Every structure is written in C-alpha cells, then in structure tokens.
Amino acid sequence: LESAVEEHIVLELESAPPASRREAGFSSTSQYECSVTDSENKCWVLMSEAMELHAMMLQ
C-alpha cells in the first residue's frame, strides 16, 4: 500500500430480484466505508467481523 491515498468514500450496493420475483419482497442494500484507495483505484474495505481487507474496483 505504498501509493495509498486516504479518502472517505461510502459505497452503496443494492441488488433486487427481477420483476417476476418481486412479490417475494427480497432486496438487499449494503454500505461500505472505504478509507484507503490504491494507485489502481481499488477501494480497500476492512471487514471487521473477519478482520480481513477486501478490494473493490470503483467505477
């Protein structure tokens, strides 16, 4: 992480089923706070339950 830049970014991910399955009422929304990005624009998220870093590509 030599070239890491500190940032404060919140990603919101949402998934919803196709219209044919909406009657089941399933939807999922998650927010992840990113504090570090690297030179390849990957956002590193600390998953505190597992104490692991996960990389996500920002679009």
C-alpha atoms as a PDB file:
ATOM      1  CA  LEU A   1       0.000   0.000   0.000  1.00  0.00           C
ATOM      2  CA  GLU A   2       2.901   2.366  -0.669  1.00  0.00           C
ATOM      3  CA  SER A   3       0.864   4.514  -3.032  1.00  0.00           C
ATOM      4  CA  ALA A   4      -2.311   4.537  -0.937  1.00  0.00           C
ATOM      5  CA  VAL A   5      -4.280   7.754  -0.672  1.00  0.00           C
ATOM      6  CA  GLU A   6      -6.581   8.419   2.264  1.00  0.00           C
ATOM      7  CA  GLU A   7     -10.166   9.141   1.268  1.00  0.00           C
ATOM      8  CA  HIS A   8     -13.604   8.997   2.805  1.00  0.00           C
ATOM      9  CA  ILE A   9     -15.959   7.217   0.408  1.00  0.00           C
ATOM     10  CA  VAL A  10     -19.176   5.356   1.088  1.00  0.00           C
ATOM     11  CA  LEU A  11     -20.212   2.728  -1.451  1.00  0.00           C
ATOM     12  CA  GLU A  12     -23.813   1.637  -1.608  1.00  0.00           C
ATOM     13  CA  LEU A  13     -24.543  -1.683  -3.238  1.00  0.00           C
ATOM     14  CA  GLU A  14     -28.087  -2.708  -3.985  1.00  0.00           C
ATOM     15  CA  SER A  15     -29.447  -5.854  -5.505  1.00  0.00           C
ATOM     16  CA  ALA A  16     -33.060  -6.505  -6.360  1.00  0.00           C
ATOM     17  CA  PRO A  17     -34.656  -9.544  -7.972  1.00  0.00           C
ATOM     18  CA  PRO A  18     -36.213  -9.492 -11.430  1.00  0.00           C
ATOM     19  CA  ALA A  19     -39.770  -8.117 -11.617  1.00  0.00           C
ATOM     20  CA  SER A  20     -41.170 -11.659 -11.777  1.00  0.00           C
ATOM     21  CA  ARG A  21     -39.747 -12.420  -8.306  1.00  0.00           C
ATOM     22  CA  ARG A  22     -40.558  -9.089  -6.600  1.00  0.00           C
ATOM     23  CA  GLU A  23     -43.662 -10.475  -4.911  1.00  0.00           C
ATOM     24  CA  ALA A  24     -41.317 -12.352  -2.576  1.00  0.00           C
ATOM     25  CA  GLY A  25     -40.127  -8.929  -1.357  1.00  0.00           C
ATOM     26  CA  PHE A  26     -36.377  -9.616  -1.448  1.00  0.00           C
ATOM     27  CA  SER A  27     -33.931  -6.737  -1.718  1.00  0.00           C
ATOM     28  CA  SER A  28     -30.551  -6.100  -0.187  1.00  0.00           C
ATOM     29  CA  THR A  29     -28.704  -2.844   0.415  1.00  0.00           C
ATOM     30  CA  SER A  30     -25.241  -2.631   1.905  1.00  0.00           C
ATOM     31  CA  GLN A  31     -22.972   0.288   2.665  1.00  0.00           C
ATOM     32  CA  TYR A  32     -19.219   0.028   2.990  1.00  0.00           C
ATOM     33  CA  GLU A  33     -16.986   2.829   4.161  1.00  0.00           C
ATOM     34  CA  CYS A  34     -13.667   2.973   2.310  1.00  0.00           C
ATOM     35  CA  SER A  35     -10.741   4.702   3.952  1.00  0.00           C
ATOM     36  CA  VAL A  36      -7.952   3.782   1.540  1.00  0.00           C
ATOM     37  CA  THR A  37      -7.620   3.516  -2.230  1.00  0.00           C
ATOM     38  CA  ASP A  38      -4.543   2.386  -4.129  1.00  0.00           C
ATOM     39  CA  SER A  39      -2.976   3.503  -7.424  1.00  0.00           C
ATOM     40  CA  GLU A  40      -5.229   1.116  -9.383  1.00  0.00           C
ATOM     41  CA  ASN A  41      -8.347   2.787  -7.916  1.00  0.00           C
ATOM     42  CA  LYS A  42      -9.216  -0.245  -5.791  1.00  0.00           C
ATOM     43  CA  CYS A  43     -11.087   0.598  -2.626  1.00  0.00           C
ATOM     44  CA  TRP A  44      -9.954  -1.399   0.409  1.00  0.00           C
ATOM     45  CA  VAL A  45     -12.703  -2.237   2.896  1.00  0.00           C
ATOM     46  CA  LEU A  46     -11.994  -3.656   6.350  1.00  0.00           C
ATOM     47  CA  MET A  47     -14.446  -6.433   7.199  1.00  0.00           C
ATOM     48  CA  SER A  48     -14.326  -6.154  10.985  1.00  0.00           C
ATOM     49  CA  GLU A  49     -16.063  -9.483  11.657  1.00  0.00           C
ATOM     50  CA  ALA A  50     -13.291 -11.408   9.900  1.00  0.00           C
ATOM     51  CA  MET A  51     -10.533  -8.774  10.280  1.00  0.00           C
ATOM     52  CA  GLU A  52      -9.799  -9.001   6.543  1.00  0.00           C
ATOM     53  CA  LEU A  53      -9.265  -6.384   3.854  1.00  0.00           C
ATOM     54  CA  HIS A  54     -11.358  -6.736   0.696  1.00  0.00           C
ATOM     55  CA  ALA A  55     -10.575  -4.841  -2.507  1.00  0.00           C
ATOM     56  CA  MET A  56     -13.356  -3.376  -4.661  1.00  0.00           C
ATOM     57  CA  MET A  57     -12.938  -1.671  -8.014  1.00  0.00           C
ATOM     58  CA  LEU A  58     -14.569   1.764  -8.164  1.00  0.00           C
ATOM     59  CA  GLN A  59     -16.464   2.564 -11.349  1.00  0.00           C
END
